[in-house]
Amino acid sequence: MKRIALIAVFLTGALLIYGTVDFPDWGDPESPASRHVSPRYIEKTVEETATPNMVTSVLADYRGYDTLGETTVIFTAGIACILLIRRLSK
């Protein structure tokens, strides 16, 4: 049983490493995100969101649903931990 689990871990790791081969280099100014997405956020942030802080506008306005989902997952995990660790009074 341990060998099957170990093989599954190695196969998953190999697939993850294989999937990162096509990623652009770290900080590459010619990557798609740097050429298309970032300039639009920089140019249109104040106009579209009326927020002078770009980080706030990206997290709250452009990626609001994603941020809400992440917050929900963290909240749910916290509640689950509290429920598992709590002491039941007798």
PDB file of N, CA and C in Angstrom:
ATOM      1  N   MET A   1       0.823  -1.193   0.000  1.00  0.00           N
ATOM      2  CA  MET A   1       0.000   0.000   0.000  1.00  0.00           C
ATOM      3  C   MET A   1       0.870   1.261   0.000  1.00  0.00           C
ATOM      4  N   LYS A   2       1.986   1.224   0.758  1.00  0.00           N
ATOM      5  CA  LYS A   2       2.868   2.383   0.802  1.00  0.00           C
ATOM      6  C   LYS A   2       3.548   2.615  -0.548  1.00  0.00           C
ATOM      7  N   ARG A   3       3.837   1.537  -1.246  1.00  0.00           N
ATOM      8  CA  ARG A   3       4.477   1.685  -2.560  1.00  0.00           C
ATOM      9  C   ARG A   3       3.533   2.341  -3.559  1.00  0.00           C
ATOM     10  N   ILE A   4       2.267   1.982  -3.509  1.00  0.00           N
ATOM     11  CA  ILE A   4       1.282   2.594  -4.406  1.00  0.00           C
ATOM     12  C   ILE A   4       1.162   4.083  -4.118  1.00  0.00           C
ATOM     13  N   ALA A   5       1.145   4.435  -2.839  1.00  0.00           N
ATOM     14  CA  ALA A   5       1.060   5.846  -2.464  1.00  0.00           C
ATOM     15  C   ALA A   5       2.308   6.596  -2.918  1.00  0.00           C
ATOM     16  N   LEU A   6       3.468   5.980  -2.749  1.00  0.00           N
ATOM     17  CA  LEU A   6       4.717   6.611  -3.169  1.00  0.00           C
ATOM     18  C   LEU A   6       4.756   6.799  -4.681  1.00  0.00           C
ATOM     19  N   ILE A   7       4.315   5.816  -5.427  1.00  0.00           N
ATOM     20  CA  ILE A   7       4.252   5.936  -6.888  1.00  0.00           C
ATOM     21  C   ILE A   7       3.291   7.049  -7.290  1.00  0.00           C
ATOM     22  N   ALA A   8       2.152   7.130  -6.619  1.00  0.00           N
ATOM     23  CA  ALA A   8       1.182   8.195  -6.915  1.00  0.00           C
ATOM     24  C   ALA A   8       1.775   9.566  -6.642  1.00  0.00           C
ATOM     25  N   VAL A   9       2.534   9.698  -5.560  1.00  0.00           N
ATOM     26  CA  VAL A   9       3.171  10.983  -5.232  1.00  0.00           C
ATOM     27  C   VAL A   9       4.199  11.349  -6.292  1.00  0.00           C
ATOM     28  N   PHE A  10       5.025  10.389  -6.688  1.00  0.00           N
ATOM     29  CA  PHE A  10       6.043  10.678  -7.705  1.00  0.00           C
ATOM     30  C   PHE A  10       5.414  11.017  -9.061  1.00  0.00           C
ATOM     31  N   LEU A  11       4.359  10.304  -9.437  1.00  0.00           N
ATOM     32  CA  LEU A  11       3.692  10.613 -10.701  1.00  0.00           C
ATOM     33  C   LEU A  11       3.061  12.002 -10.677  1.00  0.00           C
ATOM     34  N   THR A  12       2.432  12.349  -9.573  1.00  0.00           N
ATOM     35  CA  THR A  12       1.831  13.678  -9.449  1.00  0.00           C
ATOM     36  C   THR A  12       2.906  14.753  -9.492  1.00  0.00           C
ATOM     37  N   GLY A  13       4.002  14.538  -8.781  1.00  0.00           N
ATOM     38  CA  GLY A  13       5.112  15.490  -8.811  1.00  0.00           C
ATOM     39  C   GLY A  13       5.696  15.649 -10.204  1.00  0.00           C
ATOM     40  N   ALA A  14       5.865  14.531 -10.918  1.00  0.00           N
ATOM     41  CA  ALA A  14       6.395  14.590 -12.283  1.00  0.00           C
ATOM     42  C   ALA A  14       5.449  15.348 -13.205  1.00  0.00           C
ATOM     43  N   LEU A  15       4.139  15.123 -13.063  1.00  0.00           N
ATOM     44  CA  LEU A  15       3.176  15.863 -13.881  1.00  0.00           C
ATOM     45  C   LEU A  15       3.190  17.359 -13.581  1.00  0.00           C
ATOM     46  N   LEU A  16       3.321  17.706 -12.306  1.00  0.00           N
ATOM     47  CA  LEU A  16       3.381  19.121 -11.942  1.00  0.00           C
ATOM     48  C   LEU A  16       4.640  19.785 -12.490  1.00  0.00           C
ATOM     49  N   ILE A  17       5.759  19.104 -12.396  1.00  0.00           N
ATOM     50  CA  ILE A  17       7.003  19.657 -12.941  1.00  0.00           C
ATOM     51  C   ILE A  17       6.913  19.764 -14.456  1.00  0.00           C
ATOM     52  N   TYR A  18       6.371  18.755 -15.101  1.00  0.00           N
ATOM     53  CA  TYR A  18       6.196  18.802 -16.556  1.00  0.00           C
ATOM     54  C   TYR A  18       5.287  19.968 -16.965  1.00  0.00           C
ATOM     55  N   GLY A  19       4.284  20.251 -16.168  1.00  0.00           N
ATOM     56  CA  GLY A  19       3.373  21.340 -16.482  1.00  0.00           C
ATOM     57  C   GLY A  19       3.991  22.715 -16.347  1.00  0.00           C
ATOM     58  N   THR A  20       5.060  22.836 -15.587  1.00  0.00           N
ATOM     59  CA  THR A  20       5.699  24.144 -15.405  1.00  0.00           C
ATOM     60  C   THR A  20       6.782  24.433 -16.435  1.00  0.00           C
ATOM     61  N   VAL A  21       7.057  23.507 -17.313  1.00  0.00           N
ATOM     62  CA  VAL A  21       8.109  23.708 -18.311  1.00  0.00           C
ATOM     63  C   VAL A  21       7.772  24.872 -19.248  1.00  0.00           C
ATOM     64  N   ASP A  22       6.515  25.041 -19.580  1.00  0.00           N
ATOM     65  CA  ASP A  22       6.113  26.085 -20.510  1.00  0.00           C
ATOM     66  C   ASP A  22       5.865  27.443 -19.854  1.00  0.00           C
ATOM     67  N   PHE A  23       6.023  27.543 -18.550  1.00  0.00           N
ATOM     68  CA  PHE A  23       5.834  28.823 -17.881  1.00  0.00           C
ATOM     69  C   PHE A  23       6.901  29.809 -18.341  1.00  0.00           C
ATOM     70  N   PRO A  24       6.558  31.099 -18.395  1.00  0.00           N
ATOM     71  CA  PRO A  24       7.598  32.083 -18.717  1.00  0.00           C
ATOM     72  C   PRO A  24       8.572  32.221 -17.556  1.00  0.00           C
ATOM     73  N   ASP A  25       9.768  32.728 -17.849  1.00  0.00           N
ATOM     74  CA  ASP A  25      10.762  32.929 -16.801  1.00  0.00           C
ATOM     75  C   ASP A  25      10.249  33.928 -15.774  1.00  0.00           C
ATOM     76  N   TRP A  26      10.732  33.796 -14.553  1.00  0.00           N
ATOM     77  CA  TRP A  26      10.317  34.674 -13.460  1.00  0.00           C
ATOM     78  C   TRP A  26      10.726  36.114 -13.772  1.00  0.00           C
ATOM     79  N   GLY A  27       9.758  37.011 -13.762  1.00  0.00           N
ATOM     80  CA  GLY A  27      10.022  38.428 -14.014  1.00  0.00           C
ATOM     81  C   GLY A  27      10.240  38.774 -15.469  1.00  0.00           C
ATOM     82  N   ASP A  28       9.889  37.887 -16.378  1.00  0.00           N
ATOM     83  CA  ASP A  28      10.083  38.128 -17.803  1.00  0.00           C
ATOM     84  C   ASP A  28       9.162  39.260 -18.272  1.00  0.00           C
ATOM     85  N   PRO A  29       9.714  40.368 -18.752  1.00  0.00           N
ATOM     86  CA  PRO A  29       8.869  41.474 -19.195  1.00  0.00           C
ATOM     87  C   PRO A  29       8.103  41.175 -20.484  1.00  0.00           C
ATOM     88  N   GLU A  30       8.450  40.092 -21.158  1.00  0.00           N
ATOM     89  CA  GLU A  30       7.756  39.717 -22.393  1.00  0.00           C
ATOM     90  C   GLU A  30       6.705  38.639 -22.164  1.00  0.00           C
ATOM     91  N   SER A  31       6.430  38.295 -20.920  1.00  0.00           N
ATOM     92  CA  SER A  31       5.399  37.293 -20.638  1.00  0.00           C
ATOM     93  C   SER A  31       4.025  37.871 -20.957  1.00  0.00           C
ATOM     94  N   PRO A  32       3.046  37.026 -21.253  1.00  0.00           N
ATOM     95  CA  PRO A  32       1.710  37.538 -21.598  1.00  0.00           C
ATOM     96  C   PRO A  32       1.098  38.435 -20.522  1.00  0.00           C
ATOM     97  N   ALA A  33       1.298  38.106 -19.266  1.00  0.00           N
ATOM     98  CA  ALA A  33       0.732  38.944 -18.206  1.00  0.00           C
ATOM     99  C   ALA A  33       1.382  40.322 -18.174  1.00  0.00           C
ATOM    100  N   SER A  34       2.671  40.375 -18.436  1.00  0.00           N
ATOM    101  CA  SER A  34       3.374  41.659 -18.420  1.00  0.00           C
ATOM    102  C   SER A  34       3.087  42.494 -19.660  1.00  0.00           C
ATOM    103  N   ARG A  35       2.736  41.859 -20.757  1.00  0.00           N
ATOM    104  CA  ARG A  35       2.501  42.595 -21.997  1.00  0.00           C
ATOM    105  C   ARG A  35       1.057  43.040 -22.162  1.00  0.00           C
ATOM    106  N   HIS A  36       0.103  42.320 -21.578  1.00  0.00           N
ATOM    107  CA  HIS A  36      -1.304  42.627 -21.824  1.00  0.00           C
ATOM    108  C   HIS A  36      -2.064  43.045 -20.566  1.00  0.00           C
ATOM    109  N   VAL A  37      -1.966  42.278 -19.512  1.00  0.00           N
ATOM    110  CA  VAL A  37      -2.788  42.511 -18.332  1.00  0.00           C
ATOM    111  C   VAL A  37      -2.264  43.669 -17.495  1.00  0.00           C
ATOM    112  N   SER A  38      -0.997  43.634 -17.137  1.00  0.00           N
ATOM    113  CA  SER A  38      -0.436  44.665 -16.254  1.00  0.00           C
ATOM    114  C   SER A  38      -0.568  46.078 -16.815  1.00  0.00           C
ATOM    115  N   PRO A  39      -0.235  46.319 -18.080  1.00  0.00           N
ATOM    116  CA  PRO A  39      -0.384  47.688 -18.590  1.00  0.00           C
ATOM    117  C   PRO A  39      -1.834  48.190 -18.540  1.00  0.00           C
ATOM    118  N   ARG A  40      -2.778  47.303 -18.784  1.00  0.00           N
ATOM    119  CA  ARG A  40      -4.179  47.734 -18.730  1.00  0.00           C
ATOM    120  C   ARG A  40      -4.566  48.128 -17.318  1.00  0.00           C
ATOM    121  N   TYR A  41      -4.161  47.328 -16.323  1.00  0.00           N
ATOM    122  CA  TYR A  41      -4.455  47.679 -14.935  1.00  0.00           C
ATOM    123  C   TYR A  41      -3.807  49.014 -14.572  1.00  0.00           C
ATOM    124  N   ILE A  42      -2.573  49.214 -14.980  1.00  0.00           N
ATOM    125  CA  ILE A  42      -1.860  50.444 -14.645  1.00  0.00           C
ATOM    126  C   ILE A  42      -2.525  51.657 -15.286  1.00  0.00           C
ATOM    127  N   GLU A  43      -2.944  51.532 -16.543  1.00  0.00           N
ATOM    128  CA  GLU A  43      -3.522  52.675 -17.270  1.00  0.00           C
ATOM    129  C   GLU A  43      -4.963  52.971 -16.871  1.00  0.00           C
ATOM    130  N   LYS A  44      -5.759  51.951 -16.577  1.00  0.00           N
ATOM    131  CA  LYS A  44      -7.201  52.140 -16.403  1.00  0.00           C
ATOM    132  C   LYS A  44      -7.702  52.043 -14.961  1.00  0.00           C
ATOM    133  N   THR A  45      -6.813  51.833 -13.994  1.00  0.00           N
ATOM    134  CA  THR A  45      -7.258  51.614 -12.620  1.00  0.00           C
ATOM    135  C   THR A  45      -8.072  52.771 -12.078  1.00  0.00           C
ATOM    136  N   VAL A  46      -7.530  53.971 -12.121  1.00  0.00           N
ATOM    137  CA  VAL A  46      -8.224  55.120 -11.539  1.00  0.00           C
ATOM    138  C   VAL A  46      -9.497  55.417 -12.317  1.00  0.00           C
ATOM    139  N   GLU A  47      -9.438  55.292 -13.626  1.00  0.00           N
ATOM    140  CA  GLU A  47     -10.596  55.586 -14.476  1.00  0.00           C
ATOM    141  C   GLU A  47     -11.751  54.604 -14.235  1.00  0.00           C
ATOM    142  N   GLU A  48     -11.461  53.314 -14.133  1.00  0.00           N
ATOM    143  CA  GLU A  48     -12.515  52.304 -14.025  1.00  0.00           C
ATOM    144  C   GLU A  48     -12.974  52.042 -12.595  1.00  0.00           C
ATOM    145  N   THR A  49     -12.092  52.224 -11.622  1.00  0.00           N
ATOM    146  CA  THR A  49     -12.455  51.849 -10.260  1.00  0.00           C
ATOM    147  C   THR A  49     -12.542  53.024  -9.299  1.00  0.00           C
ATOM    148  N   ALA A  50     -12.029  54.165  -9.675  1.00  0.00           N
ATOM    149  CA  ALA A  50     -11.978  55.347  -8.814  1.00  0.00           C
ATOM    150  C   ALA A  50     -11.211  55.058  -7.522  1.00  0.00           C
ATOM    151  N   THR A  51     -10.217  54.178  -7.616  1.00  0.00           N
ATOM    152  CA  THR A  51      -9.367  53.838  -6.477  1.00  0.00           C
ATOM    153  C   THR A  51      -7.933  54.177  -6.847  1.00  0.00           C
ATOM    154  N   PRO A  52      -7.276  55.062  -6.092  1.00  0.00           N
ATOM    155  CA  PRO A  52      -5.912  55.452  -6.461  1.00  0.00           C
ATOM    156  C   PRO A  52      -4.864  54.368  -6.202  1.00  0.00           C
ATOM    157  N   ASN A  53      -5.156  53.405  -5.342  1.00  0.00           N
ATOM    158  CA  ASN A  53      -4.202  52.344  -5.032  1.00  0.00           C
ATOM    159  C   ASN A  53      -4.454  51.166  -5.968  1.00  0.00           C
ATOM    160  N   MET A  54      -3.448  50.822  -6.786  1.00  0.00           N
ATOM    161  CA  MET A  54      -3.622  49.753  -7.775  1.00  0.00           C
ATOM    162  C   MET A  54      -3.819  48.385  -7.138  1.00  0.00           C
ATOM    163  N   VAL A  55      -3.112  48.097  -6.051  1.00  0.00           N
ATOM    164  CA  VAL A  55      -3.247  46.790  -5.402  1.00  0.00           C
ATOM    165  C   VAL A  55      -4.666  46.613  -4.884  1.00  0.00           C
ATOM    166  N   THR A  56      -5.186  47.648  -4.251  1.00  0.00           N
ATOM    167  CA  THR A  56      -6.551  47.588  -3.737  1.00  0.00           C
ATOM    168  C   THR A  56      -7.554  47.422  -4.860  1.00  0.00           C
ATOM    169  N   SER A  57      -7.361  48.136  -5.941  1.00  0.00           N
ATOM    170  CA  SER A  57      -8.322  48.032  -7.041  1.00  0.00           C
ATOM    171  C   SER A  57      -8.288  46.656  -7.695  1.00  0.00           C
ATOM    172  N   VAL A  58      -7.107  46.061  -7.810  1.00  0.00           N
ATOM    173  CA  VAL A  58      -7.026  44.723  -8.411  1.00  0.00           C
ATOM    174  C   VAL A  58      -7.686  43.698  -7.506  1.00  0.00           C
ATOM    175  N   LEU A  59      -7.379  43.746  -6.201  1.00  0.00           N
ATOM    176  CA  LEU A  59      -7.945  42.757  -5.282  1.00  0.00           C
ATOM    177  C   LEU A  59      -9.433  42.954  -5.042  1.00  0.00           C
ATOM    178  N   ALA A  60      -9.866  44.192  -4.939  1.00  0.00           N
ATOM    179  CA  ALA A  60     -11.263  44.443  -4.569  1.00  0.00           C
ATOM    180  C   ALA A  60     -12.181  44.561  -5.774  1.00  0.00           C
ATOM    181  N   ASP A  61     -11.719  45.138  -6.859  1.00  0.00           N
ATOM    182  CA  ASP A  61     -12.599  45.380  -7.998  1.00  0.00           C
ATOM    183  C   ASP A  61     -12.422  44.362  -9.128  1.00  0.00           C
ATOM    184  N   TYR A  62     -11.208  44.208  -9.608  1.00  0.00           N
ATOM    185  CA  TYR A  62     -10.997  43.309 -10.741  1.00  0.00           C
ATOM    186  C   TYR A  62     -11.101  41.838 -10.334  1.00  0.00           C
ATOM    187  N   ARG A  63     -10.596  41.507  -9.158  1.00  0.00           N
ATOM    188  CA  ARG A  63     -10.601  40.110  -8.711  1.00  0.00           C
ATOM    189  C   ARG A  63     -11.457  39.932  -7.472  1.00  0.00           C
ATOM    190  N   GLY A  64     -12.530  40.651  -7.377  1.00  0.00           N
ATOM    191  CA  GLY A  64     -13.368  40.632  -6.181  1.00  0.00           C
ATOM    192  C   GLY A  64     -13.956  39.276  -5.872  1.00  0.00           C
ATOM    193  N   TYR A  65     -14.489  38.598  -6.878  1.00  0.00           N
ATOM    194  CA  TYR A  65     -15.091  37.283  -6.634  1.00  0.00           C
ATOM    195  C   TYR A  65     -14.035  36.256  -6.243  1.00  0.00           C
ATOM    196  N   ASP A  66     -12.859  36.342  -6.852  1.00  0.00           N
ATOM    197  CA  ASP A  66     -11.773  35.430  -6.512  1.00  0.00           C
ATOM    198  C   ASP A  66     -11.336  35.657  -5.070  1.00  0.00           C
ATOM    199  N   THR A  67     -11.190  36.918  -4.684  1.00  0.00           N
ATOM    200  CA  THR A  67     -10.794  37.243  -3.318  1.00  0.00           C
ATOM    201  C   THR A  67     -11.865  36.785  -2.330  1.00  0.00           C
ATOM    202  N   LEU A  68     -13.128  36.974  -2.684  1.00  0.00           N
ATOM    203  CA  LEU A  68     -14.221  36.513  -1.823  1.00  0.00           C
ATOM    204  C   LEU A  68     -14.166  34.991  -1.666  1.00  0.00           C
ATOM    205  N   GLY A  69     -13.882  34.279  -2.743  1.00  0.00           N
ATOM    206  CA  GLY A  69     -13.771  32.821  -2.670  1.00  0.00           C
ATOM    207  C   GLY A  69     -12.628  32.385  -1.773  1.00  0.00           C
ATOM    208  N   GLU A  70     -11.468  33.041  -1.890  1.00  0.00           N
ATOM    209  CA  GLU A  70     -10.326  32.706  -1.041  1.00  0.00           C
ATOM    210  C   GLU A  70     -10.654  32.973   0.424  1.00  0.00           C
ATOM    211  N   THR A  71     -11.300  34.097   0.688  1.00  0.00           N
ATOM    212  CA  THR A  71     -11.677  34.427   2.060  1.00  0.00           C
ATOM    213  C   THR A  71     -12.656  33.399   2.613  1.00  0.00           C
ATOM    214  N   THR A  72     -13.589  32.960   1.793  1.00  0.00           N
ATOM    215  CA  THR A  72     -14.561  31.954   2.227  1.00  0.00           C
ATOM    216  C   THR A  72     -13.874  30.632   2.560  1.00  0.00           C
ATOM    217  N   VAL A  73     -12.917  30.236   1.752  1.00  0.00           N
ATOM    218  CA  VAL A  73     -12.189  28.986   2.005  1.00  0.00           C
ATOM    219  C   VAL A  73     -11.409  29.079   3.308  1.00  0.00           C
ATOM    220  N   ILE A  74     -10.725  30.194   3.533  1.00  0.00           N
ATOM    221  CA  ILE A  74      -9.945  30.361   4.769  1.00  0.00           C
ATOM    222  C   ILE A  74     -10.875  30.388   5.979  1.00  0.00           C
ATOM    223  N   PHE A  75     -12.002  31.079   5.876  1.00  0.00           N
ATOM    224  CA  PHE A  75     -12.965  31.122   6.978  1.00  0.00           C
ATOM    225  C   PHE A  75     -13.502  29.726   7.280  1.00  0.00           C
ATOM    226  N   THR A  76     -13.857  28.973   6.244  1.00  0.00           N
ATOM    227  CA  THR A  76     -14.381  27.627   6.428  1.00  0.00           C
ATOM    228  C   THR A  76     -13.334  26.713   7.069  1.00  0.00           C
ATOM    229  N   ALA A  77     -12.087  26.834   6.640  1.00  0.00           N
ATOM    230  CA  ALA A  77     -11.022  26.027   7.240  1.00  0.00           C
ATOM    231  C   ALA A  77     -10.826  26.390   8.705  1.00  0.00           C
ATOM    232  N   GLY A  78     -10.913  27.663   9.028  1.00  0.00           N
ATOM    233  CA  GLY A  78     -10.781  28.087  10.420  1.00  0.00           C
ATOM    234  C   GLY A  78     -11.902  27.546  11.292  1.00  0.00           C
ATOM    235  N   ILE A  79     -13.127  27.617  10.797  1.00  0.00           N
ATOM    236  CA  ILE A  79     -14.268  27.082  11.545  1.00  0.00           C
ATOM    237  C   ILE A  79     -14.123  25.573  11.728  1.00  0.00           C
ATOM    238  N   ALA A  80     -13.673  24.873  10.684  1.00  0.00           N
ATOM    239  CA  ALA A  80     -13.477  23.429  10.791  1.00  0.00           C
ATOM    240  C   ALA A  80     -12.426  23.099  11.846  1.00  0.00           C
ATOM    241  N   CYS A  81     -11.345  23.864  11.890  1.00  0.00           N
ATOM    242  CA  CYS A  81     -10.309  23.631  12.911  1.00  0.00           C
ATOM    243  C   CYS A  81     -10.862  23.869  14.307  1.00  0.00           C
ATOM    244  N   ILE A  82     -11.617  24.940  14.470  1.00  0.00           N
ATOM    245  CA  ILE A  82     -12.207  25.220  15.777  1.00  0.00           C
ATOM    246  C   ILE A  82     -13.133  24.080  16.202  1.00  0.00           C
ATOM    247  N   LEU A  83     -13.946  23.592  15.285  1.00  0.00           N
ATOM    248  CA  LEU A  83     -14.873  22.514  15.620  1.00  0.00           C
ATOM    249  C   LEU A  83     -14.145  21.213  15.947  1.00  0.00           C
ATOM    250  N   LEU A  84     -13.018  20.976  15.298  1.00  0.00           N
ATOM    251  CA  LEU A  84     -12.267  19.745  15.572  1.00  0.00           C
ATOM    252  C   LEU A  84     -11.478  19.816  16.875  1.00  0.00           C
ATOM    253  N   ILE A  85     -10.988  20.980  17.223  1.00  0.00           N
ATOM    254  CA  ILE A  85     -10.114  21.114  18.376  1.00  0.00           C
ATOM    255  C   ILE A  85     -10.871  21.417  19.668  1.00  0.00           C
ATOM    256  N   ARG A  86     -12.067  21.914  19.579  1.00  0.00           N
ATOM    257  CA  ARG A  86     -12.812  22.344  20.771  1.00  0.00           C
ATOM    258  C   ARG A  86     -13.019  21.193  21.753  1.00  0.00           C
ATOM    259  N   ARG A  87     -13.219  21.591  22.979  1.00  0.00           N
ATOM    260  CA  ARG A  87     -13.499  20.606  24.025  1.00  0.00           C
ATOM    261  C   ARG A  87     -14.998  20.599  24.277  1.00  0.00           C
ATOM    262  N   LEU A  88     -15.534  19.441  24.364  1.00  0.00           N
ATOM    263  CA  LEU A  88     -16.953  19.307  24.663  1.00  0.00           C
ATOM    264  C   LEU A  88     -17.126  19.193  26.179  1.00  0.00           C
ATOM    265  N   SER A  89     -17.963  20.040  26.737  1.00  0.00           N
ATOM    266  CA  SER A  89     -18.187  19.978  28.178  1.00  0.00           C
ATOM    267  C   SER A  89     -19.171  18.860  28.490  1.00  0.00           C
ATOM    268  N   LYS A  90     -18.965  18.195  29.595  1.00  0.00           N
ATOM    269  CA  LYS A  90     -19.828  17.083  29.980  1.00  0.00           C
ATOM    270  C   LYS A  90     -20.708  17.463  31.125  1.00  0.00           C
TER     271      LYS A  90
END
